[in-house]
């Protein structure tokens, strides 16, 4: 299954206090589990910088990954960036398959 990386930035009005973040996360993850049961969650990180969270998950296709992003955007009052990711061993296989320029 393809791997996706999603960066999320919460809107300032998403929660009233930091203690509300686990509740928000639980609610959004429940919706994802119900709406996208085929998605496998790999990891979640709180990060410093222009975004608040980085999530890594596997989905069968771009449509399923887009649905995850939409659920986070609407349920989490957030903006997201969604990227495809290739695991390093597979990337090296792709490199080996490229012909050298003449």
C-alpha atoms as a PDB file:
ATOM      1  CA  UNK A   1       0.000   0.000   0.000  1.00  0.00           C
ATOM      2  CA  UNK A   2       1.282   3.490  -0.750  1.00  0.00           C
ATOM      3  CA  UNK A   3       2.605   5.559   2.141  1.00  0.00           C
ATOM      4  CA  UNK A   4       1.433   9.129   2.722  1.00  0.00           C
ATOM      5  CA  UNK A   5       2.792  11.921   4.897  1.00  0.00           C
ATOM      6  CA  UNK A   6       0.391  14.581   6.102  1.00  0.00           C
ATOM      7  CA  UNK A   7       1.321  17.882   7.719  1.00  0.00           C
ATOM      8  CA  UNK A   8      -1.452  19.506   9.737  1.00  0.00           C
ATOM      9  CA  UNK A   9      -1.798  23.014  11.081  1.00  0.00           C
ATOM     10  CA  UNK A  10      -4.671  23.648  13.483  1.00  0.00           C
ATOM     11  CA  UNK A  11      -6.661  26.824  13.203  1.00  0.00           C
ATOM     12  CA  UNK A  12      -6.438  29.059  16.293  1.00  0.00           C
ATOM     13  CA  UNK A  13     -10.083  28.367  17.140  1.00  0.00           C
ATOM     14  CA  UNK A  14      -9.768  24.552  16.930  1.00  0.00           C
ATOM     15  CA  UNK A  15      -9.628  24.138  20.724  1.00  0.00           C
ATOM     16  CA  UNK A  16      -9.960  26.463  23.676  1.00  0.00           C
ATOM     17  CA  UNK A  17      -7.106  24.941  25.692  1.00  0.00           C
ATOM     18  CA  UNK A  18      -4.226  22.507  25.122  1.00  0.00           C
ATOM     19  CA  UNK A  19      -6.166  19.944  27.178  1.00  0.00           C
ATOM     20  CA  UNK A  20      -8.740  19.883  24.396  1.00  0.00           C
ATOM     21  CA  UNK A  21      -6.218  18.522  21.883  1.00  0.00           C
ATOM     22  CA  UNK A  22      -6.483  14.843  22.943  1.00  0.00           C
ATOM     23  CA  UNK A  23     -10.288  15.056  22.666  1.00  0.00           C
ATOM     24  CA  UNK A  24     -10.043  16.582  19.195  1.00  0.00           C
ATOM     25  CA  UNK A  25      -7.553  13.916  18.145  1.00  0.00           C
ATOM     26  CA  UNK A  26      -9.769  11.117  19.462  1.00  0.00           C
ATOM     27  CA  UNK A  27     -12.821  12.434  17.620  1.00  0.00           C
ATOM     28  CA  UNK A  28     -10.990  12.853  14.321  1.00  0.00           C
ATOM     29  CA  UNK A  29      -9.344   9.419  14.560  1.00  0.00           C
ATOM     30  CA  UNK A  30     -12.724   7.787  15.260  1.00  0.00           C
ATOM     31  CA  UNK A  31     -14.131   9.355  12.090  1.00  0.00           C
ATOM     32  CA  UNK A  32     -11.136   8.148  10.101  1.00  0.00           C
ATOM     33  CA  UNK A  33     -11.501   4.610  11.487  1.00  0.00           C
ATOM     34  CA  UNK A  34     -15.195   4.547  10.514  1.00  0.00           C
ATOM     35  CA  UNK A  35     -14.908   6.267   7.132  1.00  0.00           C
ATOM     36  CA  UNK A  36     -11.552   4.783   6.071  1.00  0.00           C
ATOM     37  CA  UNK A  37     -11.166   1.339   7.677  1.00  0.00           C
ATOM     38  CA  UNK A  38      -8.624   0.337   5.029  1.00  0.00           C
ATOM     39  CA  UNK A  39      -6.150   3.014   6.172  1.00  0.00           C
ATOM     40  CA  UNK A  40      -3.232   1.866   8.346  1.00  0.00           C
ATOM     41  CA  UNK A  41      -1.840   4.495  10.702  1.00  0.00           C
ATOM     42  CA  UNK A  42       1.956   4.303  10.996  1.00  0.00           C
ATOM     43  CA  UNK A  43       2.953   7.228  13.228  1.00  0.00           C
ATOM     44  CA  UNK A  44       1.953  10.640  14.538  1.00  0.00           C
ATOM     45  CA  UNK A  45       4.264  13.392  15.742  1.00  0.00           C
ATOM     46  CA  UNK A  46       3.777  16.810  17.286  1.00  0.00           C
ATOM     47  CA  UNK A  47       6.316  19.049  15.581  1.00  0.00           C
ATOM     48  CA  UNK A  48       7.756  22.513  15.993  1.00  0.00           C
ATOM     49  CA  UNK A  49       7.586  24.856  13.044  1.00  0.00           C
ATOM     50  CA  UNK A  50       4.880  26.150  10.741  1.00  0.00           C
ATOM     51  CA  UNK A  51       2.792  22.978  11.210  1.00  0.00           C
ATOM     52  CA  UNK A  52       1.571  21.327  14.398  1.00  0.00           C
ATOM     53  CA  UNK A  53       1.546  17.640  13.454  1.00  0.00           C
ATOM     54  CA  UNK A  54       3.113  15.163  11.070  1.00  0.00           C
ATOM     55  CA  UNK A  55       1.255  11.919  10.428  1.00  0.00           C
ATOM     56  CA  UNK A  56       2.369   8.912   8.412  1.00  0.00           C
ATOM     57  CA  UNK A  57      -0.184   6.423   7.143  1.00  0.00           C
ATOM     58  CA  UNK A  58      -0.759   3.844   4.411  1.00  0.00           C
ATOM     59  CA  UNK A  59      -3.794   3.951   2.162  1.00  0.00           C
ATOM     60  CA  UNK A  60      -4.796   1.834  -0.821  1.00  0.00           C
ATOM     61  CA  UNK A  61      -4.929   4.842  -3.158  1.00  0.00           C
ATOM     62  CA  UNK A  62      -4.885   8.614  -3.464  1.00  0.00           C
ATOM     63  CA  UNK A  63      -8.658   8.821  -3.036  1.00  0.00           C
ATOM     64  CA  UNK A  64      -8.537   7.144   0.387  1.00  0.00           C
ATOM     65  CA  UNK A  65      -5.626   9.387   1.450  1.00  0.00           C
ATOM     66  CA  UNK A  66      -7.537  12.447   0.270  1.00  0.00           C
ATOM     67  CA  UNK A  67     -10.518  11.356   2.342  1.00  0.00           C
ATOM     68  CA  UNK A  68      -8.274  11.176   5.429  1.00  0.00           C
ATOM     69  CA  UNK A  69      -7.032  14.682   4.706  1.00  0.00           C
ATOM     70  CA  UNK A  70     -10.587  15.970   4.283  1.00  0.00           C
ATOM     71  CA  UNK A  71     -11.681  14.410   7.573  1.00  0.00           C
ATOM     72  CA  UNK A  72      -8.768  16.032   9.393  1.00  0.00           C
ATOM     73  CA  UNK A  73      -9.507  19.388   7.766  1.00  0.00           C
ATOM     74  CA  UNK A  74     -13.198  19.403   8.610  1.00  0.00           C
ATOM     75  CA  UNK A  75     -13.165  17.574  11.942  1.00  0.00           C
ATOM     76  CA  UNK A  76      -9.956  19.090  13.204  1.00  0.00           C
ATOM     77  CA  UNK A  77     -10.485  22.666  12.025  1.00  0.00           C
ATOM     78  CA  UNK A  78      -7.151  22.492  10.257  1.00  0.00           C
ATOM     79  CA  UNK A  79      -5.241  22.878   7.038  1.00  0.00           C
ATOM     80  CA  UNK A  80      -3.298  19.936   5.678  1.00  0.00           C
ATOM     81  CA  UNK A  81      -0.603  19.111   3.169  1.00  0.00           C
ATOM     82  CA  UNK A  82      -0.609  15.575   1.829  1.00  0.00           C
ATOM     83  CA  UNK A  83       2.438  13.993   0.200  1.00  0.00           C
ATOM     84  CA  UNK A  84       3.194  10.561  -1.163  1.00  0.00           C
ATOM     85  CA  UNK A  85       6.301   8.907   0.225  1.00  0.00           C
ATOM     86  CA  UNK A  86       8.508   6.129  -1.100  1.00  0.00           C
ATOM     87  CA  UNK A  87      10.350   3.995   1.410  1.00  0.00           C
ATOM     88  CA  UNK A  88      14.117   4.233   0.968  1.00  0.00           C
ATOM     89  CA  UNK A  89      14.732   0.571  -0.103  1.00  0.00           C
ATOM     90  CA  UNK A  90      12.077   0.909  -2.824  1.00  0.00           C
ATOM     91  CA  UNK A  91      13.556   4.265  -3.901  1.00  0.00           C
ATOM     92  CA  UNK A  92      16.957   2.610  -4.343  1.00  0.00           C
ATOM     93  CA  UNK A  93      15.341  -0.090  -6.491  1.00  0.00           C
ATOM     94  CA  UNK A  94      13.848   2.608  -8.695  1.00  0.00           C
ATOM     95  CA  UNK A  95      17.263   4.261  -9.043  1.00  0.00           C
ATOM     96  CA  UNK A  96      18.845   0.991 -10.134  1.00  0.00           C
ATOM     97  CA  UNK A  97      16.201   0.685 -12.851  1.00  0.00           C
ATOM     98  CA  UNK A  98      17.002   4.069 -14.431  1.00  0.00           C
ATOM     99  CA  UNK A  99      19.266   4.015 -17.479  1.00  0.00           C
ATOM    100  CA  UNK A 100      22.290   6.287 -17.475  1.00  0.00           C
ATOM    101  CA  UNK A 101      22.239   9.213 -19.896  1.00  0.00           C
ATOM    102  CA  UNK A 102      24.338   8.633 -22.990  1.00  0.00           C
END
